[in-house]
Amino acid sequence: MESTPEWASQPCIMGIDEAGRGPVLGPMVYGCLYCPLSYQSSLASLHFADSKTLKEDKREELYENLKLDKSLGWAVDVIGPRELSAKMLAVNKINLNEISHNSAMGLIKQVLDMGVLLTEVYLDTVGDPEKYRIKLSERFSSIKFVVSKKADSLYPVVSGASIVAKVTRDRALREWLVEETGENINRNFGSGYPGDPETKAWLTQHKHSVFGFPSLVRFSWGTCTTHLKSEVEVTWESDEAEESGNGNSSTKRQSKLSKFGFTTCESRSEEIESSGKGRCKFFQARKIQQITQFEPQ
């Protein structure tokens, strides 16, 4: 919901919850639901519940119903697997709790910027409830925050947010545009949770010895590290080592790569580039060619 509702100037409440925090596949989605404080007593009649306790068809029904309710507003923040992994593996790492906090605060800011008068916000806790509440209160001093475990079961406005988040994630996963079109990727990946046998089988089937996993996978998860232990080890040399002209480092690297059929022989490289045969299918599928000379425009 992007347009500012007619009731935005009235005191309003908001619930925030997430879906997809634990899976190794797909995005994590934060959703919020907001409405006038005067409408709070009517939320119970909408039969919202923790989305995890509802079957998929019931979640879809409730989601479509709330979209039609002019007394409700909602918003989502979809954090893709690539973004999650990049933040968690960056030099200045951002852990999952901090990513979650930032997403929730981003939704609050988004709704405030629309001109909605938020006076109370209810959230399912991430980390210590009291520390999280203080963090939120310092950022948004005019809002009363209630941070609780199992908030999606205790407060209907959070239950509604849970449904928004869960349905959005399920749809995103179903309709995910697979970038690796040349890899014969199937969608039989189960629930996406690391303990799911179907998900484990999918990861094994779709891992690449050099390039790891498709972009659908959160490669920062420990599950992925376990799967890739026996694959090709890649050594990244620092600029300093390259400038020093240390031949031993280069020799060791070529020896390591040659075990897996790689060679730097110029004639071999020219043969591969001219015919396209023998190149990794990752490059073939994307029509990526080797550039030996680069001339700036």
C-alpha atoms as a PDB file:
ATOM      1  CA  MET A   1       0.000   0.000   0.000  1.00  0.00           C
ATOM      2  CA  GLU A   2       1.723   3.193  -1.191  1.00  0.00           C
ATOM      3  CA  SER A   3      -0.887   5.972  -1.066  1.00  0.00           C
ATOM      4  CA  THR A   4      -1.530   7.787   2.194  1.00  0.00           C
ATOM      5  CA  PRO A   5      -4.819   6.587   3.738  1.00  0.00           C
ATOM      6  CA  GLU A   6      -7.582   9.007   4.666  1.00  0.00           C
ATOM      7  CA  TRP A   7      -7.208   8.139   8.343  1.00  0.00           C
ATOM      8  CA  ALA A   8      -3.445   8.829   8.447  1.00  0.00           C
ATOM      9  CA  SER A   9      -3.842  11.861  10.725  1.00  0.00           C
ATOM     10  CA  GLN A  10      -5.537   9.773  13.424  1.00  0.00           C
ATOM     11  CA  PRO A  11      -3.402   8.009  16.084  1.00  0.00           C
ATOM     12  CA  CYS A  12      -2.348   4.690  14.554  1.00  0.00           C
ATOM     13  CA  ILE A  13      -0.854   1.373  15.629  1.00  0.00           C
ATOM     14  CA  MET A  14       1.512  -0.883  13.700  1.00  0.00           C
ATOM     15  CA  GLY A  15       2.608  -4.501  13.912  1.00  0.00           C
ATOM     16  CA  ILE A  16       5.863  -5.808  12.414  1.00  0.00           C
ATOM     17  CA  ASP A  17       6.973  -9.398  11.782  1.00  0.00           C
ATOM     18  CA  GLU A  18       9.261 -11.351   9.468  1.00  0.00           C
ATOM     19  CA  ALA A  19       9.200 -14.493   7.358  1.00  0.00           C
ATOM     20  CA  GLY A  20      12.178 -16.496   6.145  1.00  0.00           C
ATOM     21  CA  ARG A  21      14.797 -15.739   8.779  1.00  0.00           C
ATOM     22  CA  GLY A  22      16.043 -19.328   9.012  1.00  0.00           C
ATOM     23  CA  PRO A  23      15.936 -20.804   5.456  1.00  0.00           C
ATOM     24  CA  VAL A  24      19.065 -21.212   3.361  1.00  0.00           C
ATOM     25  CA  LEU A  25      17.102 -20.344   0.202  1.00  0.00           C
ATOM     26  CA  GLY A  26      15.321 -17.217  -0.929  1.00  0.00           C
ATOM     27  CA  PRO A  27      14.685 -13.812   0.643  1.00  0.00           C
ATOM     28  CA  MET A  28      13.922 -12.747   4.169  1.00  0.00           C
ATOM     29  CA  VAL A  29      10.800 -10.579   4.201  1.00  0.00           C
ATOM     30  CA  TYR A  30       9.756  -8.038   6.808  1.00  0.00           C
ATOM     31  CA  GLY A  31       6.115  -6.995   6.743  1.00  0.00           C
ATOM     32  CA  CYS A  32       4.086  -4.434   8.651  1.00  0.00           C
ATOM     33  CA  LEU A  33       0.380  -3.834   9.132  1.00  0.00           C
ATOM     34  CA  TYR A  34      -1.003  -0.543  10.445  1.00  0.00           C
ATOM     35  CA  CYS A  35      -4.416   0.924  11.162  1.00  0.00           C
ATOM     36  CA  PRO A  36      -6.147   3.601  13.264  1.00  0.00           C
ATOM     37  CA  LEU A  37      -6.008   2.981  16.994  1.00  0.00           C
ATOM     38  CA  SER A  38      -9.823   3.120  16.931  1.00  0.00           C
ATOM     39  CA  TYR A  39      -9.858   0.081  14.621  1.00  0.00           C
ATOM     40  CA  GLN A  40      -7.748  -2.077  16.952  1.00  0.00           C
ATOM     41  CA  SER A  41     -10.749  -3.805  18.571  1.00  0.00           C
ATOM     42  CA  SER A  42     -12.022  -4.837  15.112  1.00  0.00           C
ATOM     43  CA  LEU A  43      -8.811  -6.693  14.232  1.00  0.00           C
ATOM     44  CA  ALA A  44      -9.862  -9.740  16.262  1.00  0.00           C
ATOM     45  CA  SER A  45     -12.877 -10.221  13.980  1.00  0.00           C
ATOM     46  CA  LEU A  46     -10.559 -10.587  10.968  1.00  0.00           C
ATOM     47  CA  HIS A  47      -9.268 -13.911  12.364  1.00  0.00           C
ATOM     48  CA  PHE A  48      -5.591 -13.113  11.910  1.00  0.00           C
ATOM     49  CA  ALA A  49      -3.211 -15.597  13.519  1.00  0.00           C
ATOM     50  CA  ASP A  50       0.483 -16.407  13.501  1.00  0.00           C
ATOM     51  CA  SER A  51       1.084 -17.284   9.833  1.00  0.00           C
ATOM     52  CA  LYS A  52       3.068 -20.390  10.827  1.00  0.00           C
ATOM     53  CA  THR A  53      -0.095 -21.914  12.309  1.00  0.00           C
ATOM     54  CA  LEU A  54      -2.146 -21.394   9.136  1.00  0.00           C
ATOM     55  CA  LYS A  55      -2.289 -23.433   5.947  1.00  0.00           C
ATOM     56  CA  GLU A  56      -1.180 -21.737   2.750  1.00  0.00           C
ATOM     57  CA  ASP A  57      -4.662 -21.336   1.256  1.00  0.00           C
ATOM     58  CA  LYS A  58      -5.910 -19.712   4.488  1.00  0.00           C
ATOM     59  CA  ARG A  59      -2.967 -17.297   4.537  1.00  0.00           C
ATOM     60  CA  GLU A  60      -3.670 -16.332   0.930  1.00  0.00           C
ATOM     61  CA  GLU A  61      -7.353 -15.758   1.732  1.00  0.00           C
ATOM     62  CA  LEU A  62      -6.578 -13.539   4.722  1.00  0.00           C
ATOM     63  CA  TYR A  63      -3.982 -11.619   2.745  1.00  0.00           C
ATOM     64  CA  GLU A  64      -6.442 -10.856  -0.059  1.00  0.00           C
ATOM     65  CA  ASN A  65      -9.038  -9.803   2.522  1.00  0.00           C
ATOM     66  CA  LEU A  66      -6.763  -7.368   4.308  1.00  0.00           C
ATOM     67  CA  LYS A  67      -5.765  -5.802   0.989  1.00  0.00           C
ATOM     68  CA  LEU A  68      -9.423  -4.911   0.418  1.00  0.00           C
ATOM     69  CA  ASP A  69      -9.901  -3.453   3.912  1.00  0.00           C
ATOM     70  CA  LYS A  70      -9.688   0.329   3.616  1.00  0.00           C
ATOM     71  CA  SER A  71      -8.981   0.627   7.343  1.00  0.00           C
ATOM     72  CA  LEU A  72      -5.694  -1.267   6.987  1.00  0.00           C
ATOM     73  CA  GLY A  73      -2.357  -0.347   5.491  1.00  0.00           C
ATOM     74  CA  TRP A  74       0.686  -2.530   4.940  1.00  0.00           C
ATOM     75  CA  ALA A  75       4.218  -2.507   3.552  1.00  0.00           C
ATOM     76  CA  VAL A  76       7.020  -5.026   3.009  1.00  0.00           C
ATOM     77  CA  ASP A  77      10.798  -5.070   2.802  1.00  0.00           C
ATOM     78  CA  VAL A  78      12.171  -7.968   0.729  1.00  0.00           C
ATOM     79  CA  ILE A  79      15.837  -8.691   1.482  1.00  0.00           C
ATOM     80  CA  GLY A  80      17.247 -11.023  -1.173  1.00  0.00           C
ATOM     81  CA  PRO A  81      19.701 -13.867  -0.514  1.00  0.00           C
ATOM     82  CA  ARG A  82      22.516 -12.062  -2.305  1.00  0.00           C
ATOM     83  CA  GLU A  83      22.080  -8.954  -0.142  1.00  0.00           C
ATOM     84  CA  LEU A  84      21.904 -11.035   3.044  1.00  0.00           C
ATOM     85  CA  SER A  85      25.099 -12.910   2.199  1.00  0.00           C
ATOM     86  CA  ALA A  86      26.963  -9.784   1.091  1.00  0.00           C
ATOM     87  CA  LYS A  87      26.198  -7.976   4.348  1.00  0.00           C
ATOM     88  CA  MET A  88      27.044 -10.954   6.545  1.00  0.00           C
ATOM     89  CA  LEU A  89      30.346 -11.658   4.745  1.00  0.00           C
ATOM     90  CA  ALA A  90      31.484  -8.055   4.223  1.00  0.00           C
ATOM     91  CA  VAL A  91      34.688  -6.739   5.768  1.00  0.00           C
ATOM     92  CA  ASN A  92      32.513  -4.752   8.163  1.00  0.00           C
ATOM     93  CA  LYS A  93      30.037  -7.533   8.834  1.00  0.00           C
ATOM     94  CA  ILE A  94      26.369  -6.883   9.578  1.00  0.00           C
ATOM     95  CA  ASN A  95      24.814  -9.792  11.458  1.00  0.00           C
ATOM     96  CA  LEU A  96      21.298 -11.084  10.899  1.00  0.00           C
ATOM     97  CA  ASN A  97      19.905  -9.398  14.020  1.00  0.00           C
ATOM     98  CA  GLU A  98      21.160  -6.002  12.892  1.00  0.00           C
ATOM     99  CA  ILE A  99      19.809  -6.572   9.373  1.00  0.00           C
ATOM    100  CA  SER A 100      16.454  -7.407  10.967  1.00  0.00           C
ATOM    101  CA  HIS A 101      16.488  -4.310  13.190  1.00  0.00           C
ATOM    102  CA  ASN A 102      17.360  -2.079  10.228  1.00  0.00           C
ATOM    103  CA  SER A 103      14.553  -3.550   8.149  1.00  0.00           C
ATOM    104  CA  ALA A 104      11.968  -3.000  10.883  1.00  0.00           C
ATOM    105  CA  MET A 105      13.133   0.579  11.440  1.00  0.00           C
ATOM    106  CA  GLY A 106      13.068   1.149   7.697  1.00  0.00           C
ATOM    107  CA  LEU A 107       9.401   0.146   7.568  1.00  0.00           C
ATOM    108  CA  ILE A 108       8.545   2.450  10.463  1.00  0.00           C
ATOM    109  CA  LYS A 109      10.310   5.363   8.740  1.00  0.00           C
ATOM    110  CA  GLN A 110       8.594   4.572   5.442  1.00  0.00           C
ATOM    111  CA  VAL A 111       5.131   4.741   7.004  1.00  0.00           C
ATOM    112  CA  LEU A 112       5.952   7.881   9.018  1.00  0.00           C
ATOM    113  CA  ASP A 113       7.219   9.552   5.850  1.00  0.00           C
ATOM    114  CA  MET A 114       3.847   8.836   4.256  1.00  0.00           C
ATOM    115  CA  GLY A 115       2.299  11.075   6.902  1.00  0.00           C
ATOM    116  CA  VAL A 116       0.823   8.323   9.088  1.00  0.00           C
ATOM    117  CA  LEU A 117       0.620   9.270  12.771  1.00  0.00           C
ATOM    118  CA  LEU A 118       2.111   6.188  14.419  1.00  0.00           C
ATOM    119  CA  THR A 119       1.724   6.205  18.189  1.00  0.00           C
ATOM    120  CA  GLU A 120       2.199   2.506  19.055  1.00  0.00           C
ATOM    121  CA  VAL A 121       4.277  -0.227  17.361  1.00  0.00           C
ATOM    122  CA  TYR A 122       4.265  -3.910  18.309  1.00  0.00           C
ATOM    123  CA  LEU A 123       7.104  -6.226  17.289  1.00  0.00           C
ATOM    124  CA  ASP A 124       8.230  -9.809  17.702  1.00  0.00           C
ATOM    125  CA  THR A 125      11.604  -9.590  19.407  1.00  0.00           C
ATOM    126  CA  VAL A 126      14.952 -10.109  17.701  1.00  0.00           C
ATOM    127  CA  GLY A 127      17.543 -10.581  20.415  1.00  0.00           C
ATOM    128  CA  ASP A 128      16.942  -9.194  23.890  1.00  0.00           C
ATOM    129  CA  PRO A 129      13.438  -7.598  24.008  1.00  0.00           C
ATOM    130  CA  GLU A 130      14.333  -4.723  26.315  1.00  0.00           C
ATOM    131  CA  LYS A 131      17.522  -3.774  24.435  1.00  0.00           C
ATOM    132  CA  TYR A 132      15.585  -3.860  21.174  1.00  0.00           C
ATOM    133  CA  ARG A 133      12.829  -1.668  22.656  1.00  0.00           C
ATOM    134  CA  ILE A 134      15.366   0.897  23.882  1.00  0.00           C
ATOM    135  CA  LYS A 135      17.061   0.944  20.469  1.00  0.00           C
ATOM    136  CA  LEU A 136      13.736   1.621  18.759  1.00  0.00           C
ATOM    137  CA  SER A 137      12.696   4.262  21.297  1.00  0.00           C
ATOM    138  CA  GLU A 138      15.950   6.162  20.854  1.00  0.00           C
ATOM    139  CA  ARG A 139      15.362   6.285  17.098  1.00  0.00           C
ATOM    140  CA  PHE A 140      11.629   7.114  17.263  1.00  0.00           C
ATOM    141  CA  SER A 141      11.064   8.890  20.565  1.00  0.00           C
ATOM    142  CA  SER A 142       7.412   9.828  19.915  1.00  0.00           C
ATOM    143  CA  ILE A 143       6.273   6.200  19.524  1.00  0.00           C
ATOM    144  CA  LYS A 144       5.428   3.693  22.243  1.00  0.00           C
ATOM    145  CA  PHE A 145       7.072   0.333  21.483  1.00  0.00           C
ATOM    146  CA  VAL A 146       5.989  -3.082  22.716  1.00  0.00           C
ATOM    147  CA  VAL A 147       8.614  -5.752  21.969  1.00  0.00           C
ATOM    148  CA  SER A 148       7.675  -9.277  22.944  1.00  0.00           C
ATOM    149  CA  LYS A 149       8.414 -12.920  22.291  1.00  0.00           C
ATOM    150  CA  LYS A 150       5.580 -14.592  20.353  1.00  0.00           C
ATOM    151  CA  ALA A 151       4.111 -11.184  19.529  1.00  0.00           C
ATOM    152  CA  ASP A 152       2.623 -12.718  16.369  1.00  0.00           C
ATOM    153  CA  SER A 153       0.450 -14.879  18.630  1.00  0.00           C
ATOM    154  CA  LEU A 154      -0.352 -12.183  21.206  1.00  0.00           C
ATOM    155  CA  TYR A 155      -1.268  -9.144  19.116  1.00  0.00           C
ATOM    156  CA  PRO A 156      -3.613  -9.326  16.089  1.00  0.00           C
ATOM    157  CA  VAL A 157      -1.838  -6.403  14.400  1.00  0.00           C
ATOM    158  CA  VAL A 158       1.412  -8.417  14.480  1.00  0.00           C
ATOM    159  CA  SER A 159      -0.434 -11.548  13.314  1.00  0.00           C
ATOM    160  CA  GLY A 160      -1.604  -9.553  10.311  1.00  0.00           C
ATOM    161  CA  ALA A 161       1.959  -8.400   9.624  1.00  0.00           C
ATOM    162  CA  SER A 162       3.075 -12.027   9.874  1.00  0.00           C
ATOM    163  CA  ILE A 163       0.603 -12.988   7.146  1.00  0.00           C
ATOM    164  CA  VAL A 164       1.749 -10.118   4.913  1.00  0.00           C
ATOM    165  CA  ALA A 165       5.394 -11.183   5.299  1.00  0.00           C
ATOM    166  CA  LYS A 166       4.784 -14.906   4.857  1.00  0.00           C
ATOM    167  CA  VAL A 167       2.582 -14.646   1.768  1.00  0.00           C
ATOM    168  CA  THR A 168       5.005 -12.168   0.179  1.00  0.00           C
ATOM    169  CA  ARG A 169       7.944 -14.524   0.758  1.00  0.00           C
ATOM    170  CA  ASP A 170       6.061 -17.591  -0.502  1.00  0.00           C
ATOM    171  CA  ARG A 171       5.070 -15.770  -3.684  1.00  0.00           C
ATOM    172  CA  ALA A 172       8.576 -14.394  -4.184  1.00  0.00           C
ATOM    173  CA  LEU A 173      10.040 -17.882  -3.866  1.00  0.00           C
ATOM    174  CA  ARG A 174       7.477 -19.390  -6.257  1.00  0.00           C
ATOM    175  CA  GLU A 175       8.054 -16.695  -8.857  1.00  0.00           C
ATOM    176  CA  TRP A 176      11.808 -16.285  -8.299  1.00  0.00           C
ATOM    177  CA  LEU A 177      13.576 -15.423 -11.555  1.00  0.00           C
ATOM    178  CA  VAL A 178      16.516 -17.825 -11.716  1.00  0.00           C
ATOM    179  CA  GLU A 179      19.494 -15.972 -13.183  1.00  0.00           C
ATOM    180  CA  GLU A 180      21.515 -19.083 -13.960  1.00  0.00           C
ATOM    181  CA  THR A 181      19.380 -20.075 -16.968  1.00  0.00           C
ATOM    182  CA  GLY A 182      21.984 -22.412 -18.426  1.00  0.00           C
ATOM    183  CA  GLU A 183      22.262 -24.586 -15.324  1.00  0.00           C
ATOM    184  CA  ASN A 184      19.063 -26.696 -15.592  1.00  0.00           C
ATOM    185  CA  ILE A 185      17.878 -25.572 -12.186  1.00  0.00           C
ATOM    186  CA  ASN A 186      14.715 -27.187 -10.873  1.00  0.00           C
ATOM    187  CA  ARG A 187      12.356 -25.774  -8.251  1.00  0.00           C
ATOM    188  CA  ASN A 188      11.911 -28.880  -6.135  1.00  0.00           C
ATOM    189  CA  PHE A 189      13.804 -27.391  -3.198  1.00  0.00           C
ATOM    190  CA  GLY A 190      11.332 -28.201  -0.428  1.00  0.00           C
ATOM    191  CA  SER A 191      10.814 -25.718   2.407  1.00  0.00           C
ATOM    192  CA  GLY A 192      14.230 -24.090   2.017  1.00  0.00           C
ATOM    193  CA  TYR A 193      15.182 -24.862   5.622  1.00  0.00           C
ATOM    194  CA  PRO A 194      18.640 -26.429   6.163  1.00  0.00           C
ATOM    195  CA  GLY A 195      17.197 -29.508   7.918  1.00  0.00           C
ATOM    196  CA  ASP A 196      14.754 -30.370   5.134  1.00  0.00           C
ATOM    197  CA  PRO A 197      15.982 -33.520   3.270  1.00  0.00           C
ATOM    198  CA  GLU A 198      14.542 -32.171  -0.001  1.00  0.00           C
ATOM    199  CA  THR A 199      16.411 -28.886   0.459  1.00  0.00           C
ATOM    200  CA  LYS A 200      19.643 -30.757   1.270  1.00  0.00           C
ATOM    201  CA  ALA A 201      19.266 -32.874  -1.873  1.00  0.00           C
ATOM    202  CA  TRP A 202      18.637 -29.746  -3.966  1.00  0.00           C
ATOM    203  CA  LEU A 203      21.775 -28.063  -2.629  1.00  0.00           C
ATOM    204  CA  THR A 204      23.865 -31.138  -3.425  1.00  0.00           C
ATOM    205  CA  GLN A 205      22.411 -31.337  -6.917  1.00  0.00           C
ATOM    206  CA  HIS A 206      22.959 -27.660  -7.728  1.00  0.00           C
ATOM    207  CA  LYS A 207      26.367 -26.910  -6.246  1.00  0.00           C
ATOM    208  CA  HIS A 208      29.208 -26.086  -8.615  1.00  0.00           C
ATOM    209  CA  SER A 209      32.762 -27.098  -7.769  1.00  0.00           C
ATOM    210  CA  VAL A 210      34.119 -23.609  -8.563  1.00  0.00           C
ATOM    211  CA  PHE A 211      31.200 -21.155  -8.436  1.00  0.00           C
ATOM    212  CA  GLY A 212      29.276 -22.617  -5.511  1.00  0.00           C
ATOM    213  CA  PHE A 213      25.511 -22.199  -5.581  1.00  0.00           C
ATOM    214  CA  PRO A 214      22.892 -20.362  -7.671  1.00  0.00           C
ATOM    215  CA  SER A 215      21.935 -16.841  -6.553  1.00  0.00           C
ATOM    216  CA  LEU A 216      18.796 -18.211  -4.866  1.00  0.00           C
ATOM    217  CA  VAL A 217      21.037 -19.573  -2.094  1.00  0.00           C
ATOM    218  CA  ARG A 218      22.258 -17.654   0.966  1.00  0.00           C
ATOM    219  CA  PHE A 219      25.884 -18.723   0.630  1.00  0.00           C
ATOM    220  CA  SER A 220      26.797 -17.148   3.980  1.00  0.00           C
ATOM    221  CA  TRP A 221      24.811 -19.867   5.813  1.00  0.00           C
ATOM    222  CA  GLY A 222      26.843 -22.561   7.570  1.00  0.00           C
ATOM    223  CA  THR A 223      24.952 -25.213   5.605  1.00  0.00           C
ATOM    224  CA  CYS A 224      26.655 -24.017   2.419  1.00  0.00           C
ATOM    225  CA  THR A 225      30.107 -24.110   3.963  1.00  0.00           C
ATOM    226  CA  THR A 226      29.603 -27.790   4.813  1.00  0.00           C
ATOM    227  CA  HIS A 227      28.517 -28.593   1.260  1.00  0.00           C
ATOM    228  CA  LEU A 228      31.534 -26.870  -0.295  1.00  0.00           C
ATOM    229  CA  LYS A 229      34.310 -28.278   1.901  1.00  0.00           C
ATOM    230  CA  SER A 230      35.398 -30.816  -0.728  1.00  0.00           C
ATOM    231  CA  GLU A 231      35.231 -28.444  -3.706  1.00  0.00           C
ATOM    232  CA  VAL A 232      37.878 -26.316  -5.425  1.00  0.00           C
ATOM    233  CA  GLU A 233      39.919 -24.135  -3.111  1.00  0.00           C
ATOM    234  CA  VAL A 234      40.366 -20.624  -4.509  1.00  0.00           C
ATOM    235  CA  THR A 235      43.364 -18.569  -3.456  1.00  0.00           C
ATOM    236  CA  TRP A 236      43.098 -14.777  -3.730  1.00  0.00           C
ATOM    237  CA  GLU A 237      46.505 -13.137  -3.958  1.00  0.00           C
ATOM    238  CA  SER A 238      46.979  -9.638  -2.569  1.00  0.00           C
ATOM    239  CA  ASP A 239      48.195  -6.820  -4.798  1.00  0.00           C
ATOM    240  CA  GLU A 240      51.337  -6.649  -2.680  1.00  0.00           C
ATOM    241  CA  ALA A 241      52.202 -10.270  -3.383  1.00  0.00           C
ATOM    242  CA  GLU A 242      51.673  -9.764  -7.119  1.00  0.00           C
ATOM    243  CA  GLU A 243      53.847  -6.637  -7.178  1.00  0.00           C
ATOM    244  CA  SER A 244      56.644  -8.412  -5.318  1.00  0.00           C
ATOM    245  CA  GLY A 245      57.072 -10.800  -8.228  1.00  0.00           C
ATOM    246  CA  ASN A 246      57.184 -13.828  -5.939  1.00  0.00           C
ATOM    247  CA  GLY A 247      57.285 -16.752  -8.372  1.00  0.00           C
ATOM    248  CA  ASN A 248      56.737 -19.429  -5.711  1.00  0.00           C
ATOM    249  CA  SER A 249      53.221 -18.165  -4.971  1.00  0.00           C
ATOM    250  CA  SER A 250      52.288 -18.312  -8.639  1.00  0.00           C
ATOM    251  CA  THR A 251      53.726 -21.807  -9.034  1.00  0.00           C
ATOM    252  CA  LYS A 252      51.776 -23.125  -6.062  1.00  0.00           C
ATOM    253  CA  ARG A 253      48.594 -21.572  -7.410  1.00  0.00           C
ATOM    254  CA  GLN A 254      49.042 -23.121 -10.867  1.00  0.00           C
ATOM    255  CA  SER A 255      49.787 -26.491  -9.284  1.00  0.00           C
ATOM    256  CA  LYS A 256      46.619 -26.286  -7.178  1.00  0.00           C
ATOM    257  CA  LEU A 257      44.434 -25.351 -10.142  1.00  0.00           C
ATOM    258  CA  SER A 258      45.965 -27.960 -12.436  1.00  0.00           C
ATOM    259  CA  LYS A 259      44.623 -30.711 -10.172  1.00  0.00           C
ATOM    260  CA  PHE A 260      41.174 -29.703 -11.348  1.00  0.00           C
ATOM    261  CA  GLY A 261      42.009 -29.519 -15.062  1.00  0.00           C
ATOM    262  CA  PHE A 262      42.859 -25.811 -15.267  1.00  0.00           C
ATOM    263  CA  THR A 263      45.838 -24.563 -17.245  1.00  0.00           C
ATOM    264  CA  THR A 264      47.288 -21.193 -18.207  1.00  0.00           C
ATOM    265  CA  CYS A 265      48.914 -22.416 -21.397  1.00  0.00           C
ATOM    266  CA  GLU A 266      48.340 -19.707 -24.031  1.00  0.00           C
ATOM    267  CA  SER A 267      47.705 -22.161 -26.858  1.00  0.00           C
ATOM    268  CA  ARG A 268      45.119 -23.991 -24.750  1.00  0.00           C
ATOM    269  CA  SER A 269      43.400 -20.693 -23.870  1.00  0.00           C
ATOM    270  CA  GLU A 270      43.298 -19.626 -27.505  1.00  0.00           C
ATOM    271  CA  GLU A 271      41.831 -22.970 -28.529  1.00  0.00           C
ATOM    272  CA  ILE A 272      39.069 -22.713 -25.913  1.00  0.00           C
ATOM    273  CA  GLU A 273      38.238 -19.121 -26.808  1.00  0.00           C
ATOM    274  CA  SER A 274      38.039 -19.841 -30.529  1.00  0.00           C
ATOM    275  CA  SER A 275      35.936 -22.999 -30.276  1.00  0.00           C
ATOM    276  CA  GLY A 276      34.010 -22.403 -27.050  1.00  0.00           C
ATOM    277  CA  LYS A 277      34.488 -26.067 -26.204  1.00  0.00           C
ATOM    278  CA  GLY A 278      35.974 -27.135 -22.916  1.00  0.00           C
ATOM    279  CA  ARG A 279      34.970 -23.929 -21.160  1.00  0.00           C
ATOM    280  CA  CYS A 280      32.972 -24.092 -17.961  1.00  0.00           C
ATOM    281  CA  LYS A 281      29.236 -24.101 -18.694  1.00  0.00           C
ATOM    282  CA  PHE A 282      28.896 -21.142 -16.315  1.00  0.00           C
ATOM    283  CA  PHE A 283      30.738 -19.007 -18.902  1.00  0.00           C
ATOM    284  CA  GLN A 284      29.163 -20.685 -21.906  1.00  0.00           C
ATOM    285  CA  ALA A 285      25.619 -20.038 -20.624  1.00  0.00           C
ATOM    286  CA  ARG A 286      26.389 -16.342 -20.176  1.00  0.00           C
ATOM    287  CA  LYS A 287      28.455 -16.020 -23.371  1.00  0.00           C
ATOM    288  CA  ILE A 288      31.336 -14.605 -21.320  1.00  0.00           C
ATOM    289  CA  GLN A 289      34.578 -14.282 -23.273  1.00  0.00           C
ATOM    290  CA  GLN A 290      38.107 -13.751 -22.087  1.00  0.00           C
ATOM    291  CA  ILE A 291      39.549 -10.289 -22.721  1.00  0.00           C
ATOM    292  CA  THR A 292      43.304 -10.206 -23.236  1.00  0.00           C
ATOM    293  CA  GLN A 293      43.593  -6.529 -24.159  1.00  0.00           C
ATOM    294  CA  PHE A 294      41.587  -3.616 -22.853  1.00  0.00           C
ATOM    295  CA  GLU A 295      41.507  -0.219 -24.509  1.00  0.00           C
ATOM    296  CA  PRO A 296      39.743   2.571 -22.583  1.00  0.00           C
ATOM    297  CA  GLN A 297      37.261   4.622 -24.587  1.00  0.00           C
END
